[in-house]
Amino acid sequence: MQRIPKRNITKKQVTRIVIVLVISLLTSEGPVAFSAGNNDKLSDVLSAQQERIRVIEAAAKTSVSVFAGSSGGGSGVLISPDGYALTNFHVVQPAGI
């Protein structure tokens, strides 16, 4: 097998590489460019995020956790004002319900 000769990199070459990388990073727009044209997009994203939070908060009020001893547990959802919950059979089966 042929060996590849070792190449010594000088400090000058390292400096040039670092400068090129720094300039590349500073001039790139990154994942999101915050220019005047993107303010509408940012506003849309923030609005959608707030709507998602509102829906999650509303859904969380009807979610229940079901645990039966040390046999595990599961989740369900309230379906009536007096506390009836809907869940899967495998969630309540270990409790003998």
N, C-alpha and C. Protein backbone atom coordinates (compact mmCIF):
# COMPACT_ATOMS: atom_id res chain seq x y z
N MET A 1 0.84 -1.16 0.00
CA MET A 1 0.00 0.00 0.00
C MET A 1 0.89 1.24 0.00
N GLN A 2 0.54 2.18 -0.87
CA GLN A 2 1.32 3.39 -0.99
C GLN A 2 0.96 4.38 0.11
N ARG A 3 1.95 4.97 0.72
CA ARG A 3 1.72 5.94 1.79
C ARG A 3 1.61 7.33 1.19
N ILE A 4 0.70 8.08 1.75
CA ILE A 4 0.54 9.47 1.33
C ILE A 4 1.52 10.30 2.15
N PRO A 5 2.32 11.11 1.48
CA PRO A 5 3.30 11.90 2.23
C PRO A 5 2.60 12.93 3.11
N LYS A 6 3.22 13.17 4.25
CA LYS A 6 2.71 14.16 5.19
C LYS A 6 2.90 15.55 4.60
N ARG A 7 1.91 16.39 4.83
CA ARG A 7 2.00 17.75 4.32
C ARG A 7 1.97 18.71 5.49
N ASN A 8 2.95 19.55 5.56
CA ASN A 8 3.01 20.53 6.63
C ASN A 8 2.25 21.79 6.21
N ILE A 9 1.31 22.19 7.04
CA ILE A 9 0.54 23.39 6.77
C ILE A 9 1.17 24.53 7.56
N THR A 10 1.44 25.60 6.87
CA THR A 10 2.09 26.73 7.53
C THR A 10 1.07 27.59 8.26
N LYS A 11 1.58 28.43 9.14
CA LYS A 11 0.70 29.35 9.87
C LYS A 11 -0.01 30.29 8.91
N LYS A 12 0.67 30.67 7.85
CA LYS A 12 0.08 31.56 6.86
C LYS A 12 -1.13 30.90 6.19
N GLN A 13 -1.02 29.61 5.88
CA GLN A 13 -2.14 28.90 5.26
C GLN A 13 -3.31 28.76 6.23
N VAL A 14 -3.01 28.47 7.49
CA VAL A 14 -4.06 28.36 8.50
C VAL A 14 -4.78 29.70 8.66
N THR A 15 -4.02 30.78 8.67
CA THR A 15 -4.60 32.11 8.80
C THR A 15 -5.54 32.40 7.63
N ARG A 16 -5.11 32.05 6.42
CA ARG A 16 -5.95 32.27 5.24
C ARG A 16 -7.25 31.47 5.33
N ILE A 17 -7.14 30.23 5.76
CA ILE A 17 -8.33 29.37 5.88
C ILE A 17 -9.30 29.96 6.91
N VAL A 18 -8.77 30.39 8.04
CA VAL A 18 -9.62 30.98 9.08
C VAL A 18 -10.29 32.25 8.57
N ILE A 19 -9.57 33.08 7.87
CA ILE A 19 -10.14 34.33 7.34
C ILE A 19 -11.27 34.02 6.36
N VAL A 20 -11.05 33.07 5.47
CA VAL A 20 -12.09 32.69 4.51
C VAL A 20 -13.33 32.16 5.23
N LEU A 21 -13.14 31.33 6.24
CA LEU A 21 -14.28 30.80 6.99
C LEU A 21 -15.04 31.90 7.73
N VAL A 22 -14.32 32.81 8.35
CA VAL A 22 -14.97 33.91 9.08
C VAL A 22 -15.76 34.80 8.12
N ILE A 23 -15.17 35.13 6.99
CA ILE A 23 -15.88 35.96 6.00
C ILE A 23 -17.12 35.23 5.49
N SER A 24 -16.99 33.94 5.25
CA SER A 24 -18.15 33.15 4.79
C SER A 24 -19.26 33.16 5.82
N LEU A 25 -18.93 32.99 7.08
CA LEU A 25 -19.94 33.00 8.13
C LEU A 25 -20.59 34.37 8.28
N LEU A 26 -19.79 35.42 8.20
CA LEU A 26 -20.33 36.76 8.38
C LEU A 26 -21.21 37.21 7.22
N THR A 27 -20.94 36.72 6.02
CA THR A 27 -21.72 37.16 4.86
C THR A 27 -22.89 36.24 4.54
N SER A 28 -22.97 35.10 5.19
CA SER A 28 -24.10 34.21 4.92
C SER A 28 -25.32 34.71 5.66
N GLU A 29 -26.50 34.38 5.10
CA GLU A 29 -27.74 34.84 5.71
C GLU A 29 -28.19 33.92 6.82
N GLY A 30 -27.65 32.76 6.91
CA GLY A 30 -28.06 31.81 7.95
C GLY A 30 -29.43 31.24 7.64
N PRO A 31 -30.03 30.52 8.60
CA PRO A 31 -31.31 29.87 8.35
C PRO A 31 -32.45 30.85 8.10
N VAL A 32 -32.43 32.00 8.75
CA VAL A 32 -33.49 32.98 8.57
C VAL A 32 -32.85 34.36 8.48
N ALA A 33 -33.13 35.02 7.40
CA ALA A 33 -32.62 36.38 7.26
C ALA A 33 -33.69 37.35 7.74
N PHE A 34 -33.34 38.20 8.69
CA PHE A 34 -34.30 39.14 9.25
C PHE A 34 -34.20 40.47 8.50
N SER A 35 -34.66 40.46 7.27
CA SER A 35 -34.70 41.68 6.49
C SER A 35 -36.14 42.18 6.44
N ALA A 36 -36.33 43.34 5.85
CA ALA A 36 -37.67 43.93 5.79
C ALA A 36 -38.64 43.02 5.06
N GLY A 37 -38.17 42.29 4.05
CA GLY A 37 -39.04 41.40 3.29
C GLY A 37 -39.51 40.20 4.07
N ASN A 38 -38.79 39.82 5.10
CA ASN A 38 -39.15 38.63 5.87
C ASN A 38 -39.96 38.95 7.11
N ASN A 39 -40.23 40.21 7.40
CA ASN A 39 -41.02 40.56 8.58
C ASN A 39 -42.41 39.97 8.52
N ASP A 40 -43.01 39.95 7.30
CA ASP A 40 -44.34 39.35 7.15
C ASP A 40 -44.29 37.86 7.45
N LYS A 41 -43.26 37.19 6.95
CA LYS A 41 -43.13 35.75 7.20
C LYS A 41 -42.94 35.48 8.69
N LEU A 42 -42.11 36.27 9.32
CA LEU A 42 -41.88 36.11 10.76
C LEU A 42 -43.17 36.34 11.53
N SER A 43 -43.93 37.34 11.13
CA SER A 43 -45.20 37.62 11.78
C SER A 43 -46.16 36.44 11.62
N ASP A 44 -46.19 35.85 10.42
CA ASP A 44 -47.06 34.69 10.17
C ASP A 44 -46.65 33.50 11.05
N VAL A 45 -45.35 33.28 11.17
CA VAL A 45 -44.85 32.17 11.99
C VAL A 45 -45.22 32.39 13.45
N LEU A 46 -45.01 33.59 13.95
CA LEU A 46 -45.33 33.88 15.35
C LEU A 46 -46.83 33.77 15.61
N SER A 47 -47.64 34.19 14.66
CA SER A 47 -49.09 34.09 14.79
C SER A 47 -49.52 32.62 14.83
N ALA A 48 -48.96 31.81 13.94
CA ALA A 48 -49.28 30.37 13.92
C ALA A 48 -48.84 29.70 15.22
N GLN A 49 -47.69 30.12 15.74
CA GLN A 49 -47.20 29.55 17.00
C GLN A 49 -48.16 29.87 18.15
N GLN A 50 -48.66 31.09 18.21
CA GLN A 50 -49.61 31.46 19.26
C GLN A 50 -50.90 30.68 19.14
N GLU A 51 -51.37 30.44 17.91
CA GLU A 51 -52.58 29.65 17.71
C GLU A 51 -52.37 28.21 18.18
N ARG A 52 -51.20 27.64 17.87
CA ARG A 52 -50.88 26.27 18.33
C ARG A 52 -50.89 26.20 19.85
N ILE A 53 -50.31 27.19 20.50
CA ILE A 53 -50.28 27.22 21.97
C ILE A 53 -51.69 27.28 22.52
N ARG A 54 -52.55 28.10 21.91
CA ARG A 54 -53.94 28.22 22.37
C ARG A 54 -54.68 26.89 22.24
N VAL A 55 -54.49 26.20 21.12
CA VAL A 55 -55.15 24.91 20.91
C VAL A 55 -54.65 23.87 21.90
N ILE A 56 -53.35 23.83 22.15
CA ILE A 56 -52.77 22.88 23.10
C ILE A 56 -53.30 23.14 24.50
N GLU A 57 -53.38 24.40 24.90
CA GLU A 57 -53.91 24.73 26.23
C GLU A 57 -55.36 24.29 26.37
N ALA A 58 -56.16 24.47 25.31
CA ALA A 58 -57.57 24.05 25.35
C ALA A 58 -57.68 22.53 25.42
N ALA A 59 -56.86 21.82 24.64
CA ALA A 59 -56.92 20.36 24.63
C ALA A 59 -56.42 19.78 25.94
N ALA A 60 -55.45 20.42 26.57
CA ALA A 60 -54.89 19.91 27.82
C ALA A 60 -55.93 19.87 28.93
N LYS A 61 -56.92 20.75 28.87
CA LYS A 61 -57.95 20.79 29.90
C LYS A 61 -58.85 19.55 29.87
N THR A 62 -58.88 18.84 28.75
CA THR A 62 -59.74 17.66 28.64
C THR A 62 -58.94 16.36 28.64
N SER A 63 -57.63 16.44 28.72
CA SER A 63 -56.79 15.24 28.71
C SER A 63 -56.66 14.66 30.11
N VAL A 64 -56.63 13.32 30.19
CA VAL A 64 -56.47 12.65 31.48
C VAL A 64 -55.35 11.62 31.38
N SER A 65 -54.72 11.36 32.50
CA SER A 65 -53.74 10.28 32.62
C SER A 65 -54.37 9.18 33.45
N VAL A 66 -54.17 7.94 33.02
CA VAL A 66 -54.76 6.79 33.72
C VAL A 66 -53.62 5.88 34.17
N PHE A 67 -53.53 5.65 35.50
CA PHE A 67 -52.53 4.76 36.05
C PHE A 67 -53.20 3.78 36.99
N ALA A 68 -52.81 2.51 36.88
CA ALA A 68 -53.38 1.47 37.74
C ALA A 68 -52.24 0.74 38.43
N GLY A 69 -51.87 1.22 39.59
CA GLY A 69 -50.78 0.58 40.34
C GLY A 69 -49.46 0.71 39.60
N SER A 70 -48.70 -0.36 39.60
CA SER A 70 -47.39 -0.33 38.95
C SER A 70 -47.42 -0.98 37.58
N SER A 71 -48.61 -1.21 37.05
CA SER A 71 -48.71 -1.92 35.76
C SER A 71 -48.65 -0.99 34.56
N GLY A 72 -48.28 0.24 34.76
CA GLY A 72 -48.19 1.17 33.64
C GLY A 72 -49.36 2.12 33.63
N GLY A 73 -49.61 2.70 32.50
CA GLY A 73 -50.68 3.67 32.41
C GLY A 73 -50.90 4.10 30.99
N GLY A 74 -51.72 5.11 30.84
CA GLY A 74 -52.02 5.62 29.52
C GLY A 74 -52.73 6.95 29.62
N SER A 75 -53.39 7.31 28.56
CA SER A 75 -54.08 8.59 28.54
C SER A 75 -55.47 8.44 27.96
N GLY A 76 -56.26 9.47 28.16
CA GLY A 76 -57.60 9.50 27.62
C GLY A 76 -58.07 10.92 27.52
N VAL A 77 -59.36 11.07 27.22
CA VAL A 77 -59.92 12.40 27.06
C VAL A 77 -61.29 12.44 27.72
N LEU A 78 -61.58 13.54 28.42
CA LEU A 78 -62.89 13.71 29.05
C LEU A 78 -63.94 13.91 27.96
N ILE A 79 -65.09 13.18 28.11
CA ILE A 79 -66.13 13.30 27.09
C ILE A 79 -67.44 13.83 27.64
N SER A 80 -67.50 14.08 28.95
CA SER A 80 -68.73 14.62 29.52
C SER A 80 -68.39 15.53 30.69
N PRO A 81 -69.29 16.47 31.00
CA PRO A 81 -69.03 17.40 32.10
C PRO A 81 -68.95 16.72 33.46
N ASP A 82 -69.57 15.53 33.61
CA ASP A 82 -69.53 14.87 34.91
C ASP A 82 -68.35 13.92 35.06
N GLY A 83 -67.39 13.96 34.15
CA GLY A 83 -66.13 13.26 34.36
C GLY A 83 -65.93 11.95 33.63
N TYR A 84 -66.83 11.54 32.74
CA TYR A 84 -66.58 10.32 31.98
C TYR A 84 -65.42 10.56 31.03
N ALA A 85 -64.54 9.55 30.98
CA ALA A 85 -63.36 9.66 30.12
C ALA A 85 -63.36 8.52 29.12
N LEU A 86 -62.82 8.79 27.96
CA LEU A 86 -62.68 7.80 26.90
C LEU A 86 -61.20 7.46 26.77
N THR A 87 -60.89 6.15 26.77
CA THR A 87 -59.52 5.70 26.61
C THR A 87 -59.55 4.36 25.90
N ASN A 88 -58.40 3.78 25.65
CA ASN A 88 -58.32 2.47 25.01
C ASN A 88 -58.43 1.36 26.05
N PHE A 89 -58.91 0.21 25.62
CA PHE A 89 -59.10 -0.93 26.52
C PHE A 89 -57.78 -1.36 27.15
N HIS A 90 -56.70 -1.37 26.37
CA HIS A 90 -55.42 -1.84 26.91
C HIS A 90 -54.91 -0.94 28.04
N VAL A 91 -55.44 0.28 28.15
CA VAL A 91 -55.02 1.18 29.22
C VAL A 91 -55.66 0.76 30.54
N VAL A 92 -56.94 0.39 30.52
CA VAL A 92 -57.65 0.06 31.76
C VAL A 92 -57.69 -1.44 32.05
N GLN A 93 -57.35 -2.27 31.10
CA GLN A 93 -57.40 -3.73 31.30
C GLN A 93 -56.57 -4.20 32.49
N PRO A 94 -55.34 -3.71 32.70
CA PRO A 94 -54.55 -4.19 33.85
C PRO A 94 -55.20 -3.88 35.20
N ALA A 95 -56.07 -2.88 35.26
CA ALA A 95 -56.72 -2.51 36.51
C ALA A 95 -57.96 -3.35 36.76
N GLY A 96 -58.33 -4.18 35.80
CA GLY A 96 -59.51 -5.02 35.96
C GLY A 96 -60.81 -4.26 35.78
N ILE A 97 -60.75 -3.16 35.10
CA ILE A 97 -61.96 -2.35 34.88
C ILE A 97 -62.66 -2.81 33.62
